[in-house]
């Protein structure tokens, strides 16, 4: 019986300190009521701690995210994805038991299995941040225009930051507590992605890339995100 108690206690300890339980998913949220409940419901099976930062949604996104089990923090007005990420990171950093932080999209394009693999690398390797890449294999098909824009972004950011990534604008990232604390995000909208890359170089963060599969669904294509994101990326890189 005594051994059973010890084994039970050890099992509880291992469960309570699993990497999943020491990770927060940071999910920017803006008018994704159609899909966010299913996205959170799937993710929370693996990651019990999820904060959605509602960025002034005008639909039922808040109710849907909360119904799926996420903590929802709200911006009173739309401030942009960069601001939502910073708010989410600041919220999650208040948990003293949190070691890892994953930025994760609310529209169903990111895979929970990829996020878990990235966190596992932070656990096993001397890294501060793992950045998802769509271009380390051929699973992701972003479309010719978006692919061209992303390649331009990669070239520009390699030259300007010295950080050598193959996918500079992938929203799936895993950070340890140090990286989540020191990375400054002052650009609220699409420019925040370039800013994070700049911060990786400026703060001498130890980084690596992880091959991830980004799924462009009929839903995301129907919102026209691919084209608009491409335009916004070009605007951020060459005009601002």
Foldseek 3Di string as FASTA:
>chain_A
DVVVVVVVVVVVVCVCQPLLNQEEEQEEDAQQLVQQLVVLLVLCVRRVAYEYEDQAHPDCGVVSNVVSPYHYHYDNHHQADLVSRLVRLVVSLVPVSHFKYKYDYRNPFFDSVQLVVQSVCVVVDVFFKEAEDQPPDPQEDLDDLLQVLQCVVQVLLCVVAVDHDPGQQGRTMMGTSVLSVQQDQPDRYSLSSSSSSNSCRVVVGGYYYDYTGGDCDPVNVVVVCSVVSSVVSCCSRPPD
